[in-house]
């Protein structure tokens, strides 16, 4: 019985060892476009690690590289030129891969965009401003909102406060519900920034 267990143990250890030795090594990168791009980026990064990339601070100077490993300037220049050439080759390969996988975008230039079907907050600033100038009360409310969302501080500047008031007054004149309330509410809670 002991001999049988010993043989089973030896055979299982040998099979594990054979599996480790002869197991096919999987590639670090897949076959897809993004995996190949990742491979190319990593190869480009390996060309100039952080210590090597310091030579770009002083263009064509090998002083920093000589501090890492003393060599003459000619050999450092040769190494640097080889790395630049290899980097250019990898960059061209990346561009070719990108262009090969680029999806085709079909556009018919004669087609007119229908901006009238869009709501005011879906428009760009210019189209919204044009719609507000044309008498659209919702566009006036959106312009009022956009005049206060550009501020990074809690306090509105003098100009932002005037723009907000003007757009809300225009929306109120166009009989937009809620415009008068918002105008009075904003006046009540907003303290103007005296520095602006």
Protein backbone atom coordinates (compact mmCIF):
# COMPACT_ATOMS: atom_id res chain seq x y z
CA UNK A 1 0.00 0.00 0.00
CA UNK A 2 2.83 2.38 0.88
CA UNK A 3 4.61 1.60 -2.39
CA UNK A 4 1.46 2.34 -4.37
CA UNK A 5 0.98 5.72 -2.62
CA UNK A 6 4.63 6.55 -3.20
CA UNK A 7 4.34 5.82 -6.93
CA UNK A 8 1.16 7.91 -7.17
CA UNK A 9 2.91 10.80 -5.42
CA UNK A 10 6.00 10.55 -7.67
CA UNK A 11 3.87 10.36 -10.85
CA UNK A 12 1.72 13.33 -9.83
CA UNK A 13 4.84 15.40 -9.03
CA UNK A 14 6.37 14.47 -12.38
CA UNK A 15 3.17 15.41 -14.23
CA UNK A 16 3.04 18.77 -12.46
CA UNK A 17 6.71 19.38 -13.25
CA UNK A 18 6.20 18.40 -16.90
CA UNK A 19 3.19 20.69 -17.11
CA UNK A 20 5.18 23.61 -15.76
CA UNK A 21 8.13 22.98 -18.08
CA UNK A 22 6.23 22.19 -21.28
CA UNK A 23 3.20 24.46 -20.83
CA UNK A 24 2.89 26.73 -23.88
CA UNK A 25 3.62 30.29 -22.87
CA UNK A 26 0.73 32.63 -23.61
CA UNK A 27 1.43 35.93 -25.27
CA UNK A 28 1.37 39.03 -23.11
CA UNK A 29 -0.73 40.81 -25.75
CA UNK A 30 -3.87 39.73 -27.54
CA UNK A 31 -4.57 39.88 -31.24
CA UNK A 32 -7.01 42.80 -31.26
CA UNK A 33 -6.34 46.34 -32.41
CA UNK A 34 -6.18 47.81 -28.91
CA UNK A 35 -3.81 45.08 -27.74
CA UNK A 36 -1.45 45.73 -30.64
CA UNK A 37 -1.58 49.47 -29.94
CA UNK A 38 -0.73 48.72 -26.30
CA UNK A 39 2.22 46.56 -27.41
CA UNK A 40 3.54 49.35 -29.64
CA UNK A 41 3.15 51.96 -26.88
CA UNK A 42 5.02 49.75 -24.44
CA UNK A 43 7.82 49.17 -26.94
CA UNK A 44 8.12 52.93 -27.49
CA UNK A 45 8.18 53.57 -23.75
CA UNK A 46 10.93 50.99 -23.28
CA UNK A 47 13.10 52.89 -25.73
CA UNK A 48 13.50 55.79 -23.36
CA UNK A 49 12.77 55.14 -19.70
CA UNK A 50 12.62 58.05 -17.29
CA UNK A 51 16.40 58.30 -16.88
CA UNK A 52 16.96 58.25 -20.62
CA UNK A 53 14.27 60.78 -21.43
CA UNK A 54 16.08 63.45 -19.45
CA UNK A 55 18.25 64.14 -22.49
CA UNK A 56 15.27 65.87 -24.06
CA UNK A 57 15.53 68.65 -21.47
CA UNK A 58 18.75 69.84 -23.05
CA UNK A 59 18.46 69.05 -26.71
CA UNK A 60 21.47 67.26 -28.22
CA UNK A 61 23.28 67.31 -24.88
CA UNK A 62 24.77 64.10 -23.50
CA UNK A 63 25.82 65.57 -20.16
CA UNK A 64 22.99 63.92 -18.23
CA UNK A 65 23.58 60.54 -19.90
CA UNK A 66 27.28 60.75 -18.99
CA UNK A 67 26.27 61.02 -15.33
CA UNK A 68 24.40 57.69 -15.63
CA UNK A 69 27.12 55.80 -17.49
CA UNK A 70 30.27 57.62 -18.61
CA UNK A 71 30.86 57.27 -22.35
CA UNK A 72 32.09 59.58 -25.04
CA UNK A 73 29.65 61.91 -26.76
CA UNK A 74 29.85 60.12 -30.10
CA UNK A 75 28.63 56.80 -28.70
CA UNK A 76 25.78 58.48 -26.78
CA UNK A 77 24.76 60.36 -29.92
CA UNK A 78 24.77 57.11 -31.89
CA UNK A 79 22.65 55.35 -29.28
CA UNK A 80 20.25 58.28 -29.14
CA UNK A 81 19.90 58.36 -32.94
CA UNK A 82 19.21 54.61 -33.01
CA UNK A 83 16.49 55.04 -30.39
CA UNK A 84 14.96 57.94 -32.32
CA UNK A 85 14.92 55.91 -35.55
CA UNK A 86 13.33 52.90 -33.80
CA UNK A 87 10.76 55.21 -32.18
CA UNK A 88 9.87 56.71 -35.56
CA UNK A 89 9.41 53.20 -37.00
CA UNK A 90 7.12 52.20 -34.12
CA UNK A 91 5.18 55.45 -34.46
CA UNK A 92 4.60 54.78 -38.19
CA UNK A 93 3.44 51.27 -37.33
CA UNK A 94 0.98 52.71 -34.81
CA UNK A 95 -0.40 55.18 -37.36
CA UNK A 96 -0.75 52.42 -39.96
CA UNK A 97 -2.58 50.21 -37.45
CA UNK A 98 -4.84 53.11 -36.48
CA UNK A 99 -5.67 53.94 -40.09
CA UNK A 100 -6.32 50.30 -40.96
CA UNK A 101 -8.83 49.94 -38.12
CA UNK A 102 -10.41 53.37 -38.50
CA UNK A 103 -14.18 53.07 -39.03
CA UNK A 104 -15.65 54.69 -42.13
CA UNK A 105 -17.90 57.65 -41.37
CA UNK A 106 -20.56 58.27 -43.97
CA UNK A 107 -21.75 61.84 -44.36
CA UNK A 108 -24.03 63.33 -46.95
CA UNK A 109 -23.18 67.05 -47.25
CA UNK A 110 -26.49 68.04 -48.83
CA UNK A 111 -28.43 67.08 -45.71
CA UNK A 112 -29.65 70.03 -43.63
CA UNK A 113 -29.66 69.73 -39.86
CA UNK A 114 -33.05 70.32 -38.27
CA UNK A 115 -32.26 72.59 -35.31
CA UNK A 116 -35.91 73.51 -34.78
CA UNK A 117 -36.66 70.05 -33.36
CA UNK A 118 -33.98 70.41 -30.68
CA UNK A 119 -34.80 71.75 -27.24
CA UNK A 120 -33.01 74.92 -26.13
CA UNK A 121 -30.54 73.23 -23.78
CA UNK A 122 -29.50 70.82 -26.56
CA UNK A 123 -28.33 73.68 -28.80
CA UNK A 124 -24.90 75.22 -28.91
CA UNK A 125 -24.42 78.59 -27.23
CA UNK A 126 -24.65 80.45 -30.55
CA UNK A 127 -27.87 78.78 -31.77
CA UNK A 128 -29.41 79.16 -28.32
CA UNK A 129 -28.51 82.86 -28.31
CA UNK A 130 -30.05 83.29 -31.78
CA UNK A 131 -33.21 81.52 -30.67
CA UNK A 132 -33.37 83.67 -27.53
CA UNK A 133 -32.93 86.84 -29.62
CA UNK A 134 -35.80 85.61 -31.81
CA UNK A 135 -38.18 85.53 -28.82
CA UNK A 136 -37.95 81.97 -27.45
CA UNK A 137 -38.54 82.15 -23.69
CA UNK A 138 -37.04 78.70 -23.04
CA UNK A 139 -33.86 79.75 -24.83
CA UNK A 140 -33.72 82.85 -22.59
CA UNK A 141 -33.93 80.61 -19.52
CA UNK A 142 -31.11 78.42 -20.88
CA UNK A 143 -28.98 81.50 -21.56
CA UNK A 144 -29.60 82.64 -17.98
CA UNK A 145 -28.49 79.24 -16.72
CA UNK A 146 -25.38 79.31 -18.90
CA UNK A 147 -24.45 82.76 -17.62
CA UNK A 148 -24.11 81.42 -14.07
CA UNK A 149 -22.62 77.97 -14.81
CA UNK A 150 -19.41 79.47 -16.22
CA UNK A 151 -18.37 80.79 -12.81
CA UNK A 152 -15.90 78.75 -10.81
CA UNK A 153 -16.56 80.65 -7.59
CA UNK A 154 -19.70 80.81 -5.50
CA UNK A 155 -20.00 84.54 -6.04
CA UNK A 156 -21.15 85.95 -9.36
CA UNK A 157 -19.25 88.79 -10.94
CA UNK A 158 -20.97 92.05 -11.74
CA UNK A 159 -21.24 91.07 -15.41
CA UNK A 160 -22.60 87.59 -14.69
CA UNK A 161 -25.22 89.05 -12.36
CA UNK A 162 -26.30 91.56 -15.04
CA UNK A 163 -26.45 88.86 -17.73
CA UNK A 164 -28.52 86.62 -15.47
CA UNK A 165 -30.91 89.47 -14.68
CA UNK A 166 -31.22 90.48 -18.35
CA UNK A 167 -32.01 86.96 -19.58
CA UNK A 168 -34.52 86.32 -16.79
CA UNK A 169 -36.17 89.73 -17.44
CA UNK A 170 -36.45 88.85 -21.13
CA UNK A 171 -37.98 85.45 -20.27
CA UNK A 172 -40.39 87.20 -17.90
CA UNK A 173 -41.41 89.63 -20.66
CA UNK A 174 -42.07 86.63 -22.93
CA UNK A 175 -44.41 85.26 -20.21
CA UNK A 176 -42.27 82.27 -19.29
CA UNK A 177 -43.65 80.71 -16.07
CA UNK A 178 -41.13 80.75 -13.24
CA UNK A 179 -38.93 83.50 -14.69
CA UNK A 180 -40.10 86.17 -12.21
CA UNK A 181 -39.65 83.80 -9.27
CA UNK A 182 -36.12 82.85 -10.38
CA UNK A 183 -35.18 86.48 -10.95
CA UNK A 184 -36.27 87.51 -7.45
CA UNK A 185 -34.81 84.37 -5.88
CA UNK A 186 -31.41 84.94 -7.51
CA UNK A 187 -31.37 88.56 -6.37
CA UNK A 188 -32.20 87.47 -2.83
CA UNK A 189 -29.56 84.74 -2.44
CA UNK A 190 -26.72 86.10 -4.54
CA UNK A 191 -24.24 88.51 -3.05
CA UNK A 192 -22.15 90.18 -5.72
CA UNK A 193 -18.40 89.83 -5.57
CA UNK A 194 -17.09 93.35 -4.93
CA UNK A 195 -13.69 92.52 -6.44
CA UNK A 196 -15.22 91.90 -9.89
